[in-house]
N, C-alpha and C. Protein backbone atom coordinates (compact mmCIF):
# COMPACT_ATOMS: atom_id res chain seq x y z
N MET A 1 0.84 -1.18 0.00
CA MET A 1 0.00 0.00 0.00
C MET A 1 0.89 1.25 0.00
N VAL A 2 0.56 2.18 -0.83
CA VAL A 2 1.30 3.42 -0.93
C VAL A 2 0.70 4.42 0.05
N ARG A 3 1.58 5.06 0.84
CA ARG A 3 1.12 6.07 1.81
C ARG A 3 1.48 7.45 1.28
N SER A 4 0.69 8.43 1.70
CA SER A 4 0.97 9.81 1.33
C SER A 4 2.20 10.29 2.09
N ASP A 5 2.75 11.41 1.67
CA ASP A 5 3.90 11.99 2.38
C ASP A 5 3.53 12.34 3.81
N GLU A 6 2.29 12.83 4.00
CA GLU A 6 1.83 13.16 5.35
C GLU A 6 1.76 11.91 6.23
N ALA A 7 1.24 10.82 5.69
CA ALA A 7 1.17 9.57 6.45
C ALA A 7 2.57 9.05 6.76
N ASP A 8 3.46 9.11 5.78
CA ASP A 8 4.85 8.68 6.01
C ASP A 8 5.49 9.49 7.13
N ALA A 9 5.25 10.79 7.12
CA ALA A 9 5.81 11.66 8.17
C ALA A 9 5.24 11.29 9.53
N PHE A 10 3.95 10.98 9.58
CA PHE A 10 3.32 10.59 10.84
C PHE A 10 3.93 9.28 11.35
N TYR A 11 4.04 8.28 10.49
CA TYR A 11 4.64 7.00 10.88
C TYR A 11 6.06 7.23 11.38
N PHE A 12 6.84 8.02 10.65
CA PHE A 12 8.22 8.30 11.06
C PHE A 12 8.26 8.95 12.44
N GLY A 13 7.39 9.93 12.67
CA GLY A 13 7.35 10.61 13.96
C GLY A 13 6.96 9.68 15.09
N VAL A 14 5.98 8.82 14.84
CA VAL A 14 5.53 7.86 15.86
C VAL A 14 6.66 6.90 16.20
N TYR A 15 7.26 6.31 15.18
CA TYR A 15 8.33 5.34 15.43
C TYR A 15 9.52 6.00 16.13
N SER A 16 9.87 7.20 15.71
CA SER A 16 10.98 7.91 16.34
C SER A 16 10.69 8.24 17.80
N ALA A 17 9.47 8.66 18.09
CA ALA A 17 9.08 8.98 19.47
C ALA A 17 9.14 7.73 20.34
N ILE A 18 8.65 6.63 19.83
CA ILE A 18 8.64 5.38 20.59
C ILE A 18 10.07 4.93 20.89
N GLN A 19 10.98 5.20 19.99
CA GLN A 19 12.37 4.83 20.23
C GLN A 19 12.98 5.56 21.42
N GLU A 20 12.36 6.64 21.86
CA GLU A 20 12.88 7.41 22.99
C GLU A 20 12.35 6.93 24.35
N ILE A 21 11.40 6.00 24.35
CA ILE A 21 10.89 5.49 25.63
C ILE A 21 11.99 4.65 26.27
N PRO A 22 12.38 4.98 27.50
CA PRO A 22 13.47 4.23 28.14
C PRO A 22 13.07 2.79 28.48
N VAL A 23 14.06 1.95 28.55
CA VAL A 23 13.87 0.57 29.00
C VAL A 23 13.26 0.60 30.41
N GLY A 24 12.30 -0.27 30.64
CA GLY A 24 11.66 -0.35 31.96
C GLY A 24 10.53 0.63 32.16
N ARG A 25 10.16 1.36 31.11
CA ARG A 25 9.09 2.35 31.20
C ARG A 25 8.06 2.08 30.11
N VAL A 26 6.85 2.58 30.33
CA VAL A 26 5.78 2.47 29.34
C VAL A 26 5.07 3.81 29.21
N THR A 27 4.41 3.99 28.09
CA THR A 27 3.55 5.16 27.90
C THR A 27 2.33 4.73 27.11
N THR A 28 1.48 5.67 26.78
CA THR A 28 0.23 5.35 26.11
C THR A 28 0.24 5.76 24.64
N TYR A 29 -0.69 5.16 23.91
CA TYR A 29 -0.88 5.55 22.51
C TYR A 29 -1.18 7.05 22.43
N GLY A 30 -2.02 7.51 23.34
CA GLY A 30 -2.40 8.92 23.35
C GLY A 30 -1.24 9.84 23.66
N HIS A 31 -0.35 9.41 24.56
CA HIS A 31 0.79 10.27 24.88
C HIS A 31 1.76 10.35 23.70
N ILE A 32 1.96 9.25 23.00
CA ILE A 32 2.81 9.29 21.80
C ILE A 32 2.17 10.20 20.77
N ALA A 33 0.87 10.10 20.58
CA ALA A 33 0.18 10.98 19.63
C ALA A 33 0.38 12.44 20.01
N ALA A 34 0.24 12.76 21.29
CA ALA A 34 0.41 14.14 21.76
C ALA A 34 1.85 14.61 21.55
N LEU A 35 2.82 13.77 21.87
CA LEU A 35 4.22 14.15 21.67
C LEU A 35 4.54 14.43 20.20
N CYS A 36 3.81 13.75 19.32
CA CYS A 36 4.01 13.95 17.88
C CYS A 36 3.21 15.13 17.34
N GLY A 37 2.43 15.78 18.21
CA GLY A 37 1.66 16.95 17.78
C GLY A 37 0.26 16.63 17.30
N TYR A 38 -0.21 15.40 17.53
CA TYR A 38 -1.54 14.99 17.09
C TYR A 38 -2.29 14.33 18.25
N PRO A 39 -2.64 15.09 19.28
CA PRO A 39 -3.28 14.47 20.45
C PRO A 39 -4.60 13.77 20.15
N GLN A 40 -5.21 14.09 19.04
CA GLN A 40 -6.49 13.49 18.68
C GLN A 40 -6.32 12.16 17.93
N ARG A 41 -5.08 11.65 17.79
CA ARG A 41 -4.85 10.47 16.97
C ARG A 41 -4.24 9.26 17.70
N PRO A 42 -4.68 8.92 18.89
CA PRO A 42 -4.07 7.75 19.55
C PRO A 42 -4.31 6.45 18.80
N ARG A 43 -5.47 6.33 18.17
CA ARG A 43 -5.75 5.09 17.43
C ARG A 43 -4.82 4.94 16.23
N GLN A 44 -4.45 6.06 15.63
CA GLN A 44 -3.54 5.99 14.50
C GLN A 44 -2.14 5.53 14.95
N VAL A 45 -1.77 5.85 16.20
CA VAL A 45 -0.51 5.34 16.74
C VAL A 45 -0.58 3.81 16.77
N GLY A 46 -1.72 3.28 17.20
CA GLY A 46 -1.91 1.84 17.19
C GLY A 46 -1.82 1.25 15.80
N VAL A 47 -2.36 1.95 14.82
CA VAL A 47 -2.27 1.49 13.43
C VAL A 47 -0.81 1.47 12.99
N CYS A 48 -0.06 2.49 13.35
CA CYS A 48 1.37 2.52 13.00
C CYS A 48 2.08 1.29 13.58
N LEU A 49 1.78 0.98 14.83
CA LEU A 49 2.42 -0.17 15.46
C LEU A 49 1.96 -1.49 14.83
N LYS A 50 0.72 -1.54 14.44
CA LYS A 50 0.22 -2.74 13.76
C LYS A 50 0.98 -2.98 12.46
N HIS A 51 1.41 -1.90 11.82
CA HIS A 51 2.10 -2.00 10.54
C HIS A 51 3.62 -1.83 10.66
N LEU A 52 4.15 -1.95 11.88
CA LEU A 52 5.59 -1.83 12.09
C LEU A 52 6.28 -2.97 11.34
N PRO A 53 7.17 -2.65 10.42
CA PRO A 53 7.82 -3.71 9.63
C PRO A 53 8.67 -4.64 10.48
N ALA A 54 8.77 -5.88 10.04
CA ALA A 54 9.66 -6.85 10.67
C ALA A 54 11.01 -6.85 9.97
N ASP A 55 11.07 -6.30 8.78
CA ASP A 55 12.27 -6.31 7.95
C ASP A 55 13.36 -5.43 8.55
N PRO A 56 14.47 -6.02 9.03
CA PRO A 56 15.53 -5.22 9.66
C PRO A 56 16.29 -4.30 8.70
N SER A 57 16.04 -4.43 7.41
CA SER A 57 16.68 -3.50 6.47
C SER A 57 15.95 -2.16 6.41
N MET A 58 14.74 -2.11 6.97
CA MET A 58 13.97 -0.87 7.01
C MET A 58 14.52 0.03 8.11
N ARG A 59 14.37 1.33 7.95
CA ARG A 59 14.87 2.27 8.97
C ARG A 59 14.24 1.99 10.33
N HIS A 60 12.93 1.83 10.35
CA HIS A 60 12.20 1.49 11.58
C HIS A 60 11.63 0.09 11.41
N HIS A 61 11.85 -0.77 12.40
CA HIS A 61 11.34 -2.14 12.35
C HIS A 61 11.13 -2.63 13.78
N ASN A 62 10.53 -3.80 13.91
CA ASN A 62 10.18 -4.28 15.25
C ASN A 62 11.39 -4.65 16.09
N GLY A 63 12.57 -4.60 15.54
CA GLY A 63 13.79 -4.83 16.31
C GLY A 63 14.39 -3.56 16.89
N ASN A 64 14.04 -2.38 16.35
CA ASN A 64 14.61 -1.13 16.87
C ASN A 64 13.56 -0.12 17.33
N VAL A 65 12.30 -0.46 17.23
CA VAL A 65 11.21 0.37 17.76
C VAL A 65 10.57 -0.44 18.89
N PRO A 66 10.73 -0.03 20.14
CA PRO A 66 10.22 -0.82 21.26
C PRO A 66 8.70 -0.73 21.41
N TRP A 67 8.01 -1.32 20.47
CA TRP A 67 6.54 -1.33 20.39
C TRP A 67 5.89 -1.78 21.70
N GLN A 68 6.58 -2.67 22.42
CA GLN A 68 6.01 -3.24 23.64
C GLN A 68 5.81 -2.21 24.74
N ARG A 69 6.47 -1.07 24.63
CA ARG A 69 6.41 -0.05 25.68
C ARG A 69 5.21 0.88 25.54
N VAL A 70 4.32 0.61 24.59
CA VAL A 70 3.13 1.44 24.39
C VAL A 70 1.90 0.61 24.75
N ILE A 71 1.13 1.13 25.72
CA ILE A 71 -0.06 0.43 26.20
C ILE A 71 -1.23 1.42 26.22
N ASN A 72 -2.41 0.94 26.60
CA ASN A 72 -3.55 1.85 26.54
C ASN A 72 -3.63 2.75 27.77
N ALA A 73 -4.51 3.72 27.71
CA ALA A 73 -4.62 4.75 28.75
C ALA A 73 -5.07 4.22 30.10
N LYS A 74 -5.62 3.03 30.15
CA LYS A 74 -6.02 2.42 31.42
C LYS A 74 -4.87 1.65 32.06
N GLY A 75 -3.73 1.62 31.38
CA GLY A 75 -2.59 0.85 31.88
C GLY A 75 -2.65 -0.61 31.48
N LEU A 76 -3.54 -0.91 30.55
CA LEU A 76 -3.71 -2.29 30.11
C LEU A 76 -2.98 -2.55 28.81
N ILE A 77 -2.48 -3.76 28.67
CA ILE A 77 -1.93 -4.19 27.39
C ILE A 77 -3.13 -4.51 26.51
N SER A 78 -3.22 -3.85 25.39
CA SER A 78 -4.37 -4.01 24.52
C SER A 78 -4.41 -5.42 23.93
N PRO A 79 -5.62 -5.99 23.86
CA PRO A 79 -5.75 -7.32 23.24
C PRO A 79 -5.35 -7.25 21.77
N ARG A 80 -4.91 -8.33 21.24
CA ARG A 80 -4.50 -8.44 19.84
C ARG A 80 -5.42 -9.41 19.11
N SER A 81 -5.32 -9.42 17.80
CA SER A 81 -6.08 -10.39 17.02
C SER A 81 -5.57 -11.80 17.30
N ALA A 82 -4.26 -11.94 17.50
CA ALA A 82 -3.70 -13.24 17.88
C ALA A 82 -3.75 -13.34 19.41
N PRO A 83 -4.31 -14.40 19.93
CA PRO A 83 -4.46 -14.52 21.39
C PRO A 83 -3.13 -14.40 22.15
N SER A 84 -2.05 -14.80 21.56
CA SER A 84 -0.76 -14.76 22.26
C SER A 84 -0.11 -13.38 22.21
N GLY A 85 -0.65 -12.45 21.44
CA GLY A 85 -0.02 -11.14 21.25
C GLY A 85 0.16 -10.36 22.53
N ALA A 86 -0.89 -10.25 23.34
CA ALA A 86 -0.80 -9.50 24.61
C ALA A 86 0.16 -10.20 25.57
N ARG A 87 0.13 -11.51 25.60
CA ARG A 87 1.04 -12.26 26.47
C ARG A 87 2.49 -12.08 26.04
N ASN A 88 2.73 -12.06 24.74
CA ASN A 88 4.09 -11.82 24.23
C ASN A 88 4.57 -10.43 24.64
N GLN A 89 3.68 -9.44 24.54
CA GLN A 89 4.03 -8.09 24.94
C GLN A 89 4.35 -8.05 26.43
N ALA A 90 3.55 -8.73 27.23
CA ALA A 90 3.77 -8.77 28.68
C ALA A 90 5.13 -9.40 28.99
N GLU A 91 5.44 -10.49 28.33
CA GLU A 91 6.72 -11.17 28.59
C GLU A 91 7.90 -10.30 28.15
N THR A 92 7.76 -9.60 27.05
CA THR A 92 8.82 -8.70 26.59
C THR A 92 9.03 -7.58 27.59
N LEU A 93 7.94 -7.02 28.12
CA LEU A 93 8.05 -5.98 29.13
C LEU A 93 8.68 -6.52 30.41
N ARG A 94 8.27 -7.69 30.83
CA ARG A 94 8.85 -8.29 32.04
C ARG A 94 10.35 -8.48 31.88
N ALA A 95 10.79 -8.86 30.70
CA ALA A 95 12.22 -9.04 30.44
C ALA A 95 12.99 -7.72 30.58
N GLU A 96 12.28 -6.60 30.45
CA GLU A 96 12.88 -5.27 30.60
C GLU A 96 12.76 -4.77 32.04
N GLY A 97 12.18 -5.56 32.93
CA GLY A 97 12.05 -5.16 34.32
C GLY A 97 10.73 -4.51 34.68
N VAL A 98 9.77 -4.52 33.77
CA VAL A 98 8.46 -3.93 34.02
C VAL A 98 7.58 -4.98 34.71
N THR A 99 6.92 -4.57 35.78
CA THR A 99 5.99 -5.46 36.48
C THR A 99 4.66 -5.45 35.75
N VAL A 100 4.27 -6.60 35.26
CA VAL A 100 2.99 -6.75 34.57
C VAL A 100 2.14 -7.68 35.42
N THR A 101 0.94 -7.22 35.78
CA THR A 101 0.05 -8.03 36.60
C THR A 101 -1.16 -8.47 35.77
N GLU A 102 -1.78 -9.54 36.23
CA GLU A 102 -2.98 -10.05 35.56
C GLU A 102 -4.13 -10.06 36.55
N ASN A 103 -5.26 -9.50 36.17
CA ASN A 103 -6.41 -9.49 37.07
C ASN A 103 -7.27 -10.73 36.84
N ALA A 104 -8.35 -10.83 37.57
CA ALA A 104 -9.23 -12.00 37.50
C ALA A 104 -9.86 -12.19 36.13
N MET A 105 -9.94 -11.11 35.36
CA MET A 105 -10.53 -11.20 34.02
C MET A 105 -9.48 -11.51 32.96
N GLY A 106 -8.25 -11.70 33.39
CA GLY A 106 -7.18 -12.02 32.45
C GLY A 106 -6.55 -10.82 31.78
N GLU A 107 -6.93 -9.61 32.23
CA GLU A 107 -6.34 -8.39 31.66
C GLU A 107 -4.94 -8.19 32.24
N LEU A 108 -4.02 -7.84 31.37
CA LEU A 108 -2.63 -7.61 31.75
C LEU A 108 -2.42 -6.11 31.89
N SER A 109 -1.86 -5.69 33.05
CA SER A 109 -1.73 -4.25 33.28
C SER A 109 -0.36 -3.90 33.86
N VAL A 110 -0.05 -2.60 33.71
CA VAL A 110 1.20 -2.02 34.21
C VAL A 110 0.82 -0.80 35.04
N ASP A 111 1.49 -0.62 36.17
CA ASP A 111 1.25 0.52 37.04
C ASP A 111 2.02 1.73 36.51
N PHE A 112 1.27 2.76 36.10
CA PHE A 112 1.91 3.97 35.58
C PHE A 112 2.72 4.70 36.65
N ASP A 113 2.31 4.61 37.92
CA ASP A 113 3.07 5.27 38.98
C ASP A 113 4.48 4.71 39.08
N THR A 114 4.64 3.45 38.80
CA THR A 114 5.94 2.80 38.88
C THR A 114 6.71 2.86 37.57
N HIS A 115 6.01 2.60 36.45
CA HIS A 115 6.70 2.42 35.17
C HIS A 115 6.30 3.43 34.09
N GLY A 116 5.48 4.41 34.43
CA GLY A 116 5.00 5.35 33.41
C GLY A 116 6.08 6.31 32.94
N TRP A 117 5.98 6.71 31.69
CA TRP A 117 6.90 7.66 31.06
C TRP A 117 6.03 8.68 30.32
N PHE A 118 5.95 9.90 30.90
CA PHE A 118 5.06 10.92 30.35
C PHE A 118 5.73 12.29 30.30
N PRO A 119 6.83 12.45 29.57
CA PRO A 119 7.47 13.76 29.48
C PRO A 119 6.58 14.74 28.69
N GLU A 120 6.78 16.02 28.96
CA GLU A 120 6.02 17.04 28.22
C GLU A 120 6.50 17.16 26.78
N THR A 121 7.79 16.94 26.58
CA THR A 121 8.36 16.94 25.23
C THR A 121 9.32 15.75 25.13
N LEU A 122 9.64 15.38 23.92
CA LEU A 122 10.59 14.30 23.72
C LEU A 122 11.99 14.75 24.15
N PRO A 123 12.75 13.87 24.76
CA PRO A 123 14.12 14.24 25.15
C PRO A 123 14.94 14.78 23.98
N SER A 124 14.76 14.25 22.79
CA SER A 124 15.51 14.74 21.63
C SER A 124 15.14 16.18 21.29
N GLU A 125 13.91 16.57 21.54
CA GLU A 125 13.49 17.95 21.28
C GLU A 125 14.06 18.89 22.32
N GLU A 126 14.20 18.44 23.57
CA GLU A 126 14.79 19.28 24.61
C GLU A 126 16.25 19.56 24.28
N THR A 127 16.96 18.55 23.80
CA THR A 127 18.37 18.71 23.42
C THR A 127 18.48 19.69 22.27
N SER A 128 17.62 19.56 21.29
CA SER A 128 17.65 20.46 20.12
C SER A 128 17.37 21.90 20.51
N SER A 129 16.38 22.13 21.40
CA SER A 129 16.02 23.48 21.78
C SER A 129 17.11 24.10 22.66
N GLN A 130 17.77 23.28 23.47
CA GLN A 130 18.87 23.80 24.31
C GLN A 130 20.05 24.20 23.43
N GLU A 131 20.35 23.40 22.42
CA GLU A 131 21.45 23.73 21.53
C GLU A 131 21.17 25.00 20.76
N GLY A 132 19.90 25.18 20.35
CA GLY A 132 19.52 26.39 19.62
C GLY A 132 19.64 27.62 20.49
N ALA A 133 19.34 27.50 21.78
CA ALA A 133 19.40 28.63 22.70
C ALA A 133 20.86 29.00 22.99
N GLU A 134 21.74 28.00 22.97
CA GLU A 134 23.14 28.27 23.26
C GLU A 134 23.87 28.85 22.06
N GLY A 135 23.40 28.50 20.85
CA GLY A 135 24.11 28.89 19.64
C GLY A 135 23.80 30.25 19.26
């Protein structure tokens, strides 16, 4: 499928923002959308992740974009079309030191107070603005 330049820019921004989430931390689809300048597009962040390439020759792929660090606004790992998808995400997060709990309904969740990552701006943007102020 061919994407417009605007869609390509959105995907690039989403993937780049997600790459800045530190190990052991999680954030939400909505927070990534807001950091990218589109607070009304959290679902589109999910679409970007759904279409994250597996091909390591691509600039952004599932090996260098930590997709597992993005969860929903309730702190839940969103269900996937494949039943094992949420469990795989939980195990990947646990391997990074994130505590993932399961409730009686089988929902997998992360405590934002412990593992949340919600900066007002991306760290890369803070560095850029500081350099501009110094120069």
